Amino acid sequence: MSKFKLLVMMWSLFLATLALAAPQKDLWPIWQANNPKSLATIDNSNYQKFLTKYITTDSSGVNLVAYSKVSTADQQMLEGYLNYLSNIKISGYNRNEQLAYWANLYNALTIDTILKHMPVESILKVKLGGVFSSGPWDAKLIKVENNELSLNDIEHRIIRPIWNDSRTHYILNCASFSCPNLQKAPFSGANIANSLNSAAIAYVNSPRGVSINDGKLTVSQIYEWYGDDFGTSQQQIISQISKYANPTLKLQLAKFTHINKYEYNWSLNGK
């Protein structure tokens, strides 16, 4: 075996190891600020236009993004929306509006990042941290209230530690086939509570979330990477999943005390 092939194999193994080592919650205290009395809302109309135009649902229920068909004008519209979000003083909003804001920001930033690196087969190929990086998650992509933020900052230093709600994993999309769906409508303070539940139900009841074949339980690797968010044991994770399962799946899950396999497909959720 050549040194080059050996290096490629070692690097692939390293990337697989990184994928299993998801960042821990690391609270960034300044983002705890909020105004419970605020009635202010955020204008997501341009983001809605983009989602309406470029998201379709395939036969298996996966929402796909037509990245290669995005026009220059619409890409600029998305960038304008991100600039608008960047200039919002989000600390002055109520908690529901804040969660909707951070989820929309995360998802729109991810789309924008993919668009800027097309053609690409997987977000893992977007090496913003250098040639040895695996994905764009640690790169500082935007400023909010004069603080530079990465995708990892938004997810692991803001959303996860502040809301401490496992359902937030179902509303964030990493541009991959096995991710929970990128929703066709932006989140808002008014719809975020219902969106958390509907997104959880949709993912758990899709093969990407949970599948049972030949008496074996396979679940998304999300439940391995972020196991502590769903429970302290596999039995607790199964119980958490079961809360959102349809009646048939719920009965099937009741027979399991452990998870047989975790799976995840990093292929791009569109083309």
C-alpha atoms as a PDB file:
ATOM      1  CA  MET A   1       0.000   0.000   0.000  1.00  0.00           C
ATOM      2  CA  SER A   2       1.330   3.446  -0.951  1.00  0.00           C
ATOM      3  CA  LYS A   3       1.996   6.108   1.672  1.00  0.00           C
ATOM      4  CA  PHE A   4      -0.701   8.273   0.083  1.00  0.00           C
ATOM      5  CA  LYS A   5      -3.387   5.565   0.373  1.00  0.00           C
ATOM      6  CA  LEU A   6      -2.323   4.877   3.947  1.00  0.00           C
ATOM      7  CA  LEU A   7      -2.606   8.595   4.760  1.00  0.00           C
ATOM      8  CA  VAL A   8      -6.085   8.741   3.209  1.00  0.00           C
ATOM      9  CA  MET A   9      -7.205   5.726   5.253  1.00  0.00           C
ATOM     10  CA  MET A  10      -5.804   7.186   8.465  1.00  0.00           C
ATOM     11  CA  TRP A  11      -7.473  10.529   7.777  1.00  0.00           C
ATOM     12  CA  SER A  12     -10.825   8.854   7.066  1.00  0.00           C
ATOM     13  CA  LEU A  13     -10.570   7.026  10.380  1.00  0.00           C
ATOM     14  CA  PHE A  14      -9.713  10.283  12.123  1.00  0.00           C
ATOM     15  CA  LEU A  15     -12.780  11.995  10.612  1.00  0.00           C
ATOM     16  CA  ALA A  16     -14.986   9.135  11.717  1.00  0.00           C
ATOM     17  CA  THR A  17     -13.626   9.495  15.239  1.00  0.00           C
ATOM     18  CA  LEU A  18     -14.324  13.224  15.186  1.00  0.00           C
ATOM     19  CA  ALA A  19     -17.892  12.559  14.129  1.00  0.00           C
ATOM     20  CA  LEU A  20     -18.404  10.500  17.279  1.00  0.00           C
ATOM     21  CA  ALA A  21     -16.915  13.198  19.484  1.00  0.00           C
ATOM     22  CA  ALA A  22     -19.623  15.859  19.340  1.00  0.00           C
ATOM     23  CA  PRO A  23     -18.896  19.035  21.331  1.00  0.00           C
ATOM     24  CA  GLN A  24     -20.175  19.225  24.881  1.00  0.00           C
ATOM     25  CA  LYS A  25     -22.474  21.974  26.109  1.00  0.00           C
ATOM     26  CA  ASP A  26     -20.374  25.012  26.981  1.00  0.00           C
ATOM     27  CA  LEU A  27     -22.581  27.902  28.076  1.00  0.00           C
ATOM     28  CA  TRP A  28     -21.677  31.356  26.772  1.00  0.00           C
ATOM     29  CA  PRO A  29     -23.242  33.374  29.605  1.00  0.00           C
ATOM     30  CA  ILE A  30     -23.829  36.652  27.753  1.00  0.00           C
ATOM     31  CA  TRP A  31     -26.497  34.994  25.595  1.00  0.00           C
ATOM     32  CA  GLN A  32     -28.676  34.245  28.605  1.00  0.00           C
ATOM     33  CA  ALA A  33     -29.896  37.856  28.530  1.00  0.00           C
ATOM     34  CA  ASN A  34     -33.527  38.151  27.442  1.00  0.00           C
ATOM     35  CA  ASN A  35     -36.615  40.297  27.886  1.00  0.00           C
ATOM     36  CA  PRO A  36     -39.681  38.234  28.902  1.00  0.00           C
ATOM     37  CA  LYS A  37     -41.954  41.243  28.326  1.00  0.00           C
ATOM     38  CA  SER A  38     -40.801  41.861  24.756  1.00  0.00           C
ATOM     39  CA  LEU A  39     -43.438  41.523  22.054  1.00  0.00           C
ATOM     40  CA  ALA A  40     -40.972  42.270  19.255  1.00  0.00           C
ATOM     41  CA  THR A  41     -40.871  39.861  16.329  1.00  0.00           C
ATOM     42  CA  ILE A  42     -38.380  39.182  13.559  1.00  0.00           C
ATOM     43  CA  ASP A  43     -39.083  39.554   9.842  1.00  0.00           C
ATOM     44  CA  ASN A  44     -38.304  36.225   8.161  1.00  0.00           C
ATOM     45  CA  SER A  45     -40.137  36.986   4.902  1.00  0.00           C
ATOM     46  CA  ASN A  46     -37.065  36.832   2.654  1.00  0.00           C
ATOM     47  CA  TYR A  47     -35.997  33.551   4.197  1.00  0.00           C
ATOM     48  CA  GLN A  48     -39.511  32.234   3.565  1.00  0.00           C
ATOM     49  CA  LYS A  49     -39.245  33.224  -0.103  1.00  0.00           C
ATOM     50  CA  PHE A  50     -35.988  31.309  -0.398  1.00  0.00           C
ATOM     51  CA  LEU A  51     -37.301  28.175   1.316  1.00  0.00           C
ATOM     52  CA  THR A  52     -40.501  28.163  -0.741  1.00  0.00           C
ATOM     53  CA  LYS A  53     -38.563  28.397  -3.981  1.00  0.00           C
ATOM     54  CA  TYR A  54     -35.798  25.887  -3.354  1.00  0.00           C
ATOM     55  CA  ILE A  55     -37.048  23.134  -1.014  1.00  0.00           C
ATOM     56  CA  THR A  56     -38.828  20.052  -2.334  1.00  0.00           C
ATOM     57  CA  THR A  57     -39.785  16.809  -0.599  1.00  0.00           C
ATOM     58  CA  ASP A  58     -38.690  13.483  -2.079  1.00  0.00           C
ATOM     59  CA  SER A  59     -40.694  10.244  -2.022  1.00  0.00           C
ATOM     60  CA  SER A  60     -39.164   9.200   1.314  1.00  0.00           C
ATOM     61  CA  GLY A  61     -40.150  12.447   3.036  1.00  0.00           C
ATOM     62  CA  VAL A  62     -36.733  14.116   2.999  1.00  0.00           C
ATOM     63  CA  ASN A  63     -36.712  17.852   2.321  1.00  0.00           C
ATOM     64  CA  LEU A  64     -34.091  18.557  -0.329  1.00  0.00           C
ATOM     65  CA  VAL A  65     -32.501  21.870  -1.287  1.00  0.00           C
ATOM     66  CA  ALA A  66     -31.922  22.699  -4.948  1.00  0.00           C
ATOM     67  CA  TYR A  67     -28.539  24.261  -4.222  1.00  0.00           C
ATOM     68  CA  SER A  68     -27.347  24.208  -7.834  1.00  0.00           C
ATOM     69  CA  LYS A  69     -30.464  26.043  -9.026  1.00  0.00           C
ATOM     70  CA  VAL A  70     -30.210  28.981  -6.628  1.00  0.00           C
ATOM     71  CA  SER A  71     -29.927  32.185  -8.632  1.00  0.00           C
ATOM     72  CA  THR A  72     -27.362  34.857  -7.876  1.00  0.00           C
ATOM     73  CA  ALA A  73     -30.174  37.216  -6.882  1.00  0.00           C
ATOM     74  CA  ASP A  74     -31.662  34.696  -4.451  1.00  0.00           C
ATOM     75  CA  GLN A  75     -28.276  33.889  -2.948  1.00  0.00           C
ATOM     76  CA  GLN A  76     -27.810  37.603  -2.374  1.00  0.00           C
ATOM     77  CA  MET A  77     -31.283  37.737  -0.818  1.00  0.00           C
ATOM     78  CA  LEU A  78     -30.267  34.989   1.613  1.00  0.00           C
ATOM     79  CA  GLU A  79     -27.057  36.857   2.438  1.00  0.00           C
ATOM     80  CA  GLY A  80     -29.137  39.996   3.006  1.00  0.00           C
ATOM     81  CA  TYR A  81     -31.347  38.063   5.420  1.00  0.00           C
ATOM     82  CA  LEU A  82     -28.270  36.894   7.326  1.00  0.00           C
ATOM     83  CA  ASN A  83     -26.991  40.463   7.456  1.00  0.00           C
ATOM     84  CA  TYR A  84     -30.370  41.531   8.834  1.00  0.00           C
ATOM     85  CA  LEU A  85     -30.170  38.858  11.555  1.00  0.00           C
ATOM     86  CA  SER A  86     -26.607  39.891  12.331  1.00  0.00           C
ATOM     87  CA  ASN A  87     -27.749  43.423  13.125  1.00  0.00           C
ATOM     88  CA  ILE A  88     -30.523  42.411  15.524  1.00  0.00           C
ATOM     89  CA  LYS A  89     -29.904  42.904  19.241  1.00  0.00           C
ATOM     90  CA  ILE A  90     -31.322  39.518  20.095  1.00  0.00           C
ATOM     91  CA  SER A  91     -30.691  39.865  23.840  1.00  0.00           C
ATOM     92  CA  GLY A  92     -33.698  42.200  23.977  1.00  0.00           C
ATOM     93  CA  TYR A  93     -36.202  39.588  22.751  1.00  0.00           C
ATOM     94  CA  ASN A  94     -38.243  37.006  24.650  1.00  0.00           C
ATOM     95  CA  ARG A  95     -37.081  33.406  24.935  1.00  0.00           C
ATOM     96  CA  ASN A  96     -39.361  31.951  22.229  1.00  0.00           C
ATOM     97  CA  GLU A  97     -38.352  34.576  19.696  1.00  0.00           C
ATOM     98  CA  GLN A  98     -34.715  34.008  20.618  1.00  0.00           C
ATOM     99  CA  LEU A  99     -34.844  30.257  20.043  1.00  0.00           C
ATOM    100  CA  ALA A 100     -36.559  30.781  16.694  1.00  0.00           C
ATOM    101  CA  TYR A 101     -33.887  33.353  15.800  1.00  0.00           C
ATOM    102  CA  TRP A 102     -30.952  31.084  16.646  1.00  0.00           C
ATOM    103  CA  ALA A 103     -32.440  28.107  14.799  1.00  0.00           C
ATOM    104  CA  ASN A 104     -33.143  30.184  11.679  1.00  0.00           C
ATOM    105  CA  LEU A 105     -29.666  31.691  11.855  1.00  0.00           C
ATOM    106  CA  TYR A 106     -28.030  28.278  12.145  1.00  0.00           C
ATOM    107  CA  ASN A 107     -29.995  26.797   9.245  1.00  0.00           C
ATOM    108  CA  ALA A 108     -29.648  29.815   6.947  1.00  0.00           C
ATOM    109  CA  LEU A 109     -25.904  30.025   7.667  1.00  0.00           C
ATOM    110  CA  THR A 110     -25.547  26.356   6.790  1.00  0.00           C
ATOM    111  CA  ILE A 111     -27.358  26.829   3.474  1.00  0.00           C
ATOM    112  CA  ASP A 112     -25.245  29.893   2.698  1.00  0.00           C
ATOM    113  CA  THR A 113     -22.056  27.990   3.483  1.00  0.00           C
ATOM    114  CA  ILE A 114     -22.990  25.165   1.120  1.00  0.00           C
ATOM    115  CA  LEU A 115     -23.915  27.622  -1.637  1.00  0.00           C
ATOM    116  CA  LYS A 116     -20.516  29.288  -1.346  1.00  0.00           C
ATOM    117  CA  HIS A 117     -18.755  25.935  -1.809  1.00  0.00           C
ATOM    118  CA  MET A 118     -20.841  24.323  -4.514  1.00  0.00           C
ATOM    119  CA  PRO A 119     -20.372  21.876  -6.078  1.00  0.00           C
ATOM    120  CA  VAL A 120     -19.798  19.740  -2.975  1.00  0.00           C
ATOM    121  CA  GLU A 121     -21.034  16.248  -2.132  1.00  0.00           C
ATOM    122  CA  SER A 122     -21.049  16.614   1.641  1.00  0.00           C
ATOM    123  CA  ILE A 123     -20.717  19.354   4.222  1.00  0.00           C
ATOM    124  CA  LEU A 124     -17.749  17.373   5.568  1.00  0.00           C
ATOM    125  CA  LYS A 125     -15.891  18.467   2.422  1.00  0.00           C
ATOM    126  CA  VAL A 126     -16.250  22.146   3.344  1.00  0.00           C
ATOM    127  CA  LYS A 127     -12.910  22.649   5.071  1.00  0.00           C
ATOM    128  CA  LEU A 128     -13.168  26.193   6.424  1.00  0.00           C
ATOM    129  CA  GLY A 129     -10.828  25.376   9.285  1.00  0.00           C
ATOM    130  CA  GLY A 130      -8.049  24.337   6.913  1.00  0.00           C
ATOM    131  CA  VAL A 131      -7.165  21.246   4.909  1.00  0.00           C
ATOM    132  CA  PHE A 132      -7.335  18.997   7.982  1.00  0.00           C
ATOM    133  CA  SER A 133     -10.725  20.254   9.181  1.00  0.00           C
ATOM    134  CA  SER A 134     -13.904  18.196   8.864  1.00  0.00           C
ATOM    135  CA  GLY A 135     -16.672  20.608   8.019  1.00  0.00           C
ATOM    136  CA  PRO A 136     -17.295  24.312   8.637  1.00  0.00           C
ATOM    137  CA  TRP A 137     -18.601  24.138  12.190  1.00  0.00           C
ATOM    138  CA  ASP A 138     -15.745  25.864  14.011  1.00  0.00           C
ATOM    139  CA  ALA A 139     -15.268  28.702  11.519  1.00  0.00           C
ATOM    140  CA  LYS A 140     -16.486  32.134  12.627  1.00  0.00           C
ATOM    141  CA  LEU A 141     -19.172  32.918  10.066  1.00  0.00           C
ATOM    142  CA  ILE A 142     -21.165  35.840  11.439  1.00  0.00           C
ATOM    143  CA  LYS A 143     -21.226  38.591  14.052  1.00  0.00           C
ATOM    144  CA  VAL A 144     -24.116  39.134  16.458  1.00  0.00           C
ATOM    145  CA  GLU A 145     -23.940  41.957  18.998  1.00  0.00           C
ATOM    146  CA  ASN A 146     -20.252  42.361  18.088  1.00  0.00           C
ATOM    147  CA  ASN A 147     -19.441  38.734  18.892  1.00  0.00           C
ATOM    148  CA  GLU A 148     -18.090  36.448  16.192  1.00  0.00           C
ATOM    149  CA  LEU A 149     -20.001  33.189  16.050  1.00  0.00           C
ATOM    150  CA  SER A 150     -19.504  29.764  14.525  1.00  0.00           C
ATOM    151  CA  LEU A 151     -22.167  27.136  13.908  1.00  0.00           C
ATOM    152  CA  ASN A 152     -20.791  25.227  16.890  1.00  0.00           C
ATOM    153  CA  ASP A 153     -21.122  28.347  19.042  1.00  0.00           C
ATOM    154  CA  ILE A 154     -24.779  28.671  18.116  1.00  0.00           C
ATOM    155  CA  GLU A 155     -25.613  25.035  18.767  1.00  0.00           C
ATOM    156  CA  HIS A 156     -23.382  24.047  21.682  1.00  0.00           C
ATOM    157  CA  ARG A 157     -22.747  27.323  23.492  1.00  0.00           C
ATOM    158  CA  ILE A 158     -26.165  28.936  23.069  1.00  0.00           C
ATOM    159  CA  ILE A 159     -29.059  26.668  22.092  1.00  0.00           C
ATOM    160  CA  ARG A 160     -28.215  23.454  23.933  1.00  0.00           C
ATOM    161  CA  PRO A 161     -27.063  24.897  27.282  1.00  0.00           C
ATOM    162  CA  ILE A 162     -29.676  27.666  27.506  1.00  0.00           C
ATOM    163  CA  TRP A 163     -32.780  25.709  26.497  1.00  0.00           C
ATOM    164  CA  ASN A 164     -31.695  22.249  27.653  1.00  0.00           C
ATOM    165  CA  ASP A 165     -34.358  20.711  25.441  1.00  0.00           C
ATOM    166  CA  SER A 166     -33.511  17.607  23.420  1.00  0.00           C
ATOM    167  CA  ARG A 167     -36.121  18.616  20.829  1.00  0.00           C
ATOM    168  CA  THR A 168     -33.831  21.397  19.618  1.00  0.00           C
ATOM    169  CA  HIS A 169     -31.792  18.729  17.812  1.00  0.00           C
ATOM    170  CA  TYR A 170     -34.785  18.177  15.537  1.00  0.00           C
ATOM    171  CA  ILE A 171     -34.973  21.792  14.307  1.00  0.00           C
ATOM    172  CA  LEU A 172     -31.319  22.219  13.314  1.00  0.00           C
ATOM    173  CA  ASN A 173     -30.233  21.088   9.869  1.00  0.00           C
ATOM    174  CA  CYS A 174     -26.624  20.298   8.927  1.00  0.00           C
ATOM    175  CA  ALA A 175     -27.249  20.019   5.156  1.00  0.00           C
ATOM    176  CA  SER A 176     -27.011  16.234   5.276  1.00  0.00           C
ATOM    177  CA  PHE A 177     -29.420  13.526   4.197  1.00  0.00           C
ATOM    178  CA  SER A 178     -29.727  12.030   7.690  1.00  0.00           C
ATOM    179  CA  CYS A 179     -30.355  15.359   9.421  1.00  0.00           C
ATOM    180  CA  PRO A 180     -33.810  16.276  10.639  1.00  0.00           C
ATOM    181  CA  ASN A 181     -35.564  18.057   7.787  1.00  0.00           C
ATOM    182  CA  LEU A 182     -34.834  21.640   6.904  1.00  0.00           C
ATOM    183  CA  GLN A 183     -38.314  23.052   7.444  1.00  0.00           C
ATOM    184  CA  LYS A 184     -40.196  24.748   4.619  1.00  0.00           C
ATOM    185  CA  ALA A 185     -41.159  27.663   6.868  1.00  0.00           C
ATOM    186  CA  PRO A 186     -38.997  29.781   9.180  1.00  0.00           C
ATOM    187  CA  PHE A 187     -39.379  29.420  12.917  1.00  0.00           C
ATOM    188  CA  SER A 188     -40.974  32.228  14.888  1.00  0.00           C
ATOM    189  CA  GLY A 189     -41.698  32.960  18.505  1.00  0.00           C
ATOM    190  CA  ALA A 190     -45.320  32.115  17.785  1.00  0.00           C
ATOM    191  CA  ASN A 191     -44.680  28.715  16.180  1.00  0.00           C
ATOM    192  CA  ILE A 192     -41.501  27.482  17.880  1.00  0.00           C
ATOM    193  CA  ALA A 193     -43.228  25.412  20.574  1.00  0.00           C
ATOM    194  CA  ASN A 194     -45.328  23.508  18.044  1.00  0.00           C
ATOM    195  CA  SER A 195     -42.350  23.253  15.686  1.00  0.00           C
ATOM    196  CA  LEU A 196     -40.238  21.493  18.318  1.00  0.00           C
ATOM    197  CA  ASN A 197     -42.885  18.804  18.736  1.00  0.00           C
ATOM    198  CA  SER A 198     -43.760  18.409  15.059  1.00  0.00           C
ATOM    199  CA  ALA A 199     -40.074  18.183  14.066  1.00  0.00           C
ATOM    200  CA  ALA A 200     -39.446  15.536  16.747  1.00  0.00           C
ATOM    201  CA  ILE A 201     -42.451  13.495  15.596  1.00  0.00           C
ATOM    202  CA  ALA A 202     -41.446  13.730  11.937  1.00  0.00           C
ATOM    203  CA  TYR A 203     -37.861  12.593  12.553  1.00  0.00           C
ATOM    204  CA  VAL A 204     -38.564   9.786  14.990  1.00  0.00           C
ATOM    205  CA  ASN A 205     -41.158   8.313  12.632  1.00  0.00           C
ATOM    206  CA  SER A 206     -38.867   8.430   9.596  1.00  0.00           C
ATOM    207  CA  PRO A 207     -36.282   5.746   8.704  1.00  0.00           C
ATOM    208  CA  ARG A 208     -33.561   8.358   9.193  1.00  0.00           C
ATOM    209  CA  GLY A 209     -34.507   8.573  12.851  1.00  0.00           C
ATOM    210  CA  VAL A 210     -35.583   5.058  13.776  1.00  0.00           C
ATOM    211  CA  SER A 211     -35.859   1.757  11.934  1.00  0.00           C
ATOM    212  CA  ILE A 212     -36.509  -1.813  13.083  1.00  0.00           C
ATOM    213  CA  ASN A 213     -35.478  -4.697  10.851  1.00  0.00           C
ATOM    214  CA  ASP A 214     -35.045  -8.382  11.663  1.00  0.00           C
ATOM    215  CA  GLY A 215     -35.650  -7.683  15.324  1.00  0.00           C
ATOM    216  CA  LYS A 216     -32.849  -5.106  15.559  1.00  0.00           C
ATOM    217  CA  LEU A 217     -33.181  -1.434  16.456  1.00  0.00           C
ATOM    218  CA  THR A 218     -31.235   1.089  14.394  1.00  0.00           C
ATOM    219  CA  VAL A 219     -31.381   4.789  15.244  1.00  0.00           C
ATOM    220  CA  SER A 220     -29.786   7.985  14.013  1.00  0.00           C
ATOM    221  CA  GLN A 221     -26.287   8.648  15.237  1.00  0.00           C
ATOM    222  CA  ILE A 222     -27.651  11.889  16.687  1.00  0.00           C
ATOM    223  CA  TYR A 223     -28.729   9.756  19.644  1.00  0.00           C
ATOM    224  CA  GLU A 224     -25.153   8.589  20.114  1.00  0.00           C
ATOM    225  CA  TRP A 225     -23.412  11.919  19.621  1.00  0.00           C
ATOM    226  CA  TYR A 226     -25.807  13.720  21.968  1.00  0.00           C
ATOM    227  CA  GLY A 227     -26.842  10.799  24.151  1.00  0.00           C
ATOM    228  CA  ASP A 228     -26.713  12.833  27.356  1.00  0.00           C
ATOM    229  CA  ASP A 229     -29.347  15.197  25.948  1.00  0.00           C
ATOM    230  CA  PHE A 230     -31.773  12.299  25.493  1.00  0.00           C
ATOM    231  CA  GLY A 231     -31.001  10.176  28.558  1.00  0.00           C
ATOM    232  CA  THR A 232     -28.265   8.624  30.674  1.00  0.00           C
ATOM    233  CA  SER A 233     -28.756   5.113  29.280  1.00  0.00           C
ATOM    234  CA  GLN A 234     -29.879   3.473  26.063  1.00  0.00           C
ATOM    235  CA  GLN A 235     -33.144   2.517  27.767  1.00  0.00           C
ATOM    236  CA  GLN A 236     -33.804   6.174  28.603  1.00  0.00           C
ATOM    237  CA  ILE A 237     -32.971   7.213  25.051  1.00  0.00           C
ATOM    238  CA  ILE A 238     -35.439   4.633  23.716  1.00  0.00           C
ATOM    239  CA  SER A 239     -38.060   5.952  26.135  1.00  0.00           C
ATOM    240  CA  GLN A 240     -37.404   9.511  24.965  1.00  0.00           C
ATOM    241  CA  ILE A 241     -37.733   8.443  21.333  1.00  0.00           C
ATOM    242  CA  SER A 242     -40.931   6.562  22.140  1.00  0.00           C
ATOM    243  CA  LYS A 243     -42.609   9.770  23.333  1.00  0.00           C
ATOM    244  CA  TYR A 244     -42.795  10.935  19.714  1.00  0.00           C
ATOM    245  CA  ALA A 245     -43.381   7.576  18.025  1.00  0.00           C
ATOM    246  CA  ASN A 246     -46.632   6.705  16.292  1.00  0.00           C
ATOM    247  CA  PRO A 247     -48.718   3.957  17.967  1.00  0.00           C
ATOM    248  CA  THR A 248     -47.253   1.124  15.875  1.00  0.00           C
ATOM    249  CA  LEU A 249     -43.648   2.187  16.403  1.00  0.00           C
ATOM    250  CA  LYS A 250     -44.293   2.815  20.103  1.00  0.00           C
ATOM    251  CA  LEU A 251     -45.419  -0.798  20.553  1.00  0.00           C
ATOM    252  CA  GLN A 252     -42.333  -2.047  18.725  1.00  0.00           C
ATOM    253  CA  LEU A 253     -39.982   0.107  20.781  1.00  0.00           C
ATOM    254  CA  ALA A 254     -41.459  -1.240  24.019  1.00  0.00           C
ATOM    255  CA  LYS A 255     -39.756  -4.558  23.266  1.00  0.00           C
ATOM    256  CA  PHE A 256     -36.245  -3.068  23.209  1.00  0.00           C
ATOM    257  CA  THR A 257     -33.901  -2.389  26.105  1.00  0.00           C
ATOM    258  CA  HIS A 258     -30.887  -1.434  24.004  1.00  0.00           C
ATOM    259  CA  ILE A 259     -29.947   0.009  20.621  1.00  0.00           C
ATOM    260  CA  ASN A 260     -28.308  -2.347  18.138  1.00  0.00           C
ATOM    261  CA  LYS A 261     -26.869   0.149  15.690  1.00  0.00           C
ATOM    262  CA  TYR A 262     -26.383   3.851  14.971  1.00  0.00           C
ATOM    263  CA  GLU A 263     -26.369   5.166  11.394  1.00  0.00           C
ATOM    264  CA  TYR A 264     -25.848   8.485   9.656  1.00  0.00           C
ATOM    265  CA  ASN A 265     -25.608   9.521   6.003  1.00  0.00           C
ATOM    266  CA  TRP A 266     -23.524  12.668   5.469  1.00  0.00           C
ATOM    267  CA  SER A 267     -24.465  13.012   1.790  1.00  0.00           C
ATOM    268  CA  LEU A 268     -25.710  16.484   0.864  1.00  0.00           C
ATOM    269  CA  ASN A 269     -29.458  17.020   1.285  1.00  0.00           C
ATOM    270  CA  GLY A 270     -29.847  18.203  -2.277  1.00  0.00           C
ATOM    271  CA  LYS A 271     -27.793  18.967  -5.336  1.00  0.00           C
END
